[in-house]
Amino acid sequence: MKHATHNRDADLQAEHDFLLRWRRTSSRDTAGMLRASLLRRTNPDLVKKVEMEKEPVLTSVD
């Protein structure tokens, strides 16, 4: 049972990371658009969470 929970958590994290990357990519990526559409239908709570997150601020390291 622990293994199944771990796999689900890993899948959820992968979907979260995908949505964050997808927000920053070209809208011409058909596969990405289809996956994001699928996630909107199957996991709307995750999509809302990602949409509420601020974009990371990238700063140069001196």
Protein backbone atom coordinates (compact mmCIF):
# COMPACT_ATOMS: atom_id res chain seq x y z
CA MET A 1 0.00 0.00 0.00
CA LYS A 2 2.86 2.39 0.78
CA HIS A 3 4.31 1.76 -2.67
CA ALA A 4 1.05 2.74 -4.37
CA THR A 5 0.85 5.96 -2.33
CA HIS A 6 4.44 6.81 -3.18
CA ASN A 7 3.78 6.23 -6.89
CA ARG A 8 0.66 8.43 -6.75
CA ASP A 9 2.63 11.20 -5.03
CA ALA A 10 5.35 10.95 -7.67
CA ASP A 11 2.77 11.08 -10.47
CA LEU A 12 1.08 14.09 -8.89
CA GLN A 13 4.42 15.89 -8.56
CA ALA A 14 5.23 15.11 -12.21
CA GLU A 15 1.87 16.54 -13.30
CA HIS A 16 2.45 19.63 -11.16
CA ASP A 17 5.92 20.16 -12.65
CA PHE A 18 4.54 19.67 -16.17
CA LEU A 19 1.87 22.32 -15.62
CA LEU A 20 4.44 24.80 -14.34
CA ARG A 21 6.61 24.22 -17.43
CA TRP A 22 3.60 24.29 -19.73
CA ARG A 23 2.64 27.77 -18.51
CA ARG A 24 5.97 29.07 -19.81
CA THR A 25 6.10 27.27 -23.17
CA SER A 26 4.76 27.92 -26.63
CA SER A 27 1.08 27.36 -27.23
CA ARG A 28 2.05 25.61 -30.48
CA ASP A 29 3.04 22.43 -28.64
CA THR A 30 0.05 20.23 -29.48
CA ALA A 31 1.06 17.36 -27.21
CA GLY A 32 1.50 19.74 -24.30
CA MET A 33 -1.86 21.36 -24.97
CA LEU A 34 -3.57 17.97 -25.03
CA ARG A 35 -1.91 16.88 -21.79
CA ALA A 36 -2.83 20.16 -20.07
CA SER A 37 -6.41 19.78 -21.30
CA LEU A 38 -6.54 16.25 -19.90
CA LEU A 39 -5.20 17.45 -16.55
CA ARG A 40 -7.80 20.23 -16.45
CA ARG A 41 -10.53 17.61 -16.76
CA THR A 42 -9.05 14.95 -14.49
CA ASN A 43 -7.41 17.07 -11.79
CA PRO A 44 -8.92 20.57 -11.68
CA ASP A 45 -7.70 21.15 -8.11
CA LEU A 46 -4.08 20.71 -9.19
CA VAL A 47 -4.59 23.10 -12.10
CA LYS A 48 -6.05 25.73 -9.75
CA LYS A 49 -3.10 25.29 -7.39
CA VAL A 50 -0.59 25.78 -10.20
CA GLU A 51 -2.46 28.80 -11.58
CA MET A 52 -2.35 30.44 -8.14
CA GLU A 53 1.41 29.99 -7.77
CA LYS A 54 3.62 32.93 -8.57
CA GLU A 55 6.11 32.60 -11.35
CA PRO A 56 9.58 31.95 -9.94
CA VAL A 57 11.86 34.94 -10.00
CA LEU A 58 15.17 34.02 -11.55
CA THR A 59 18.11 36.04 -10.34
CA SER A 60 21.72 35.80 -11.35
CA VAL A 61 24.13 34.30 -8.89
CA ASP A 62 27.22 36.42 -8.39
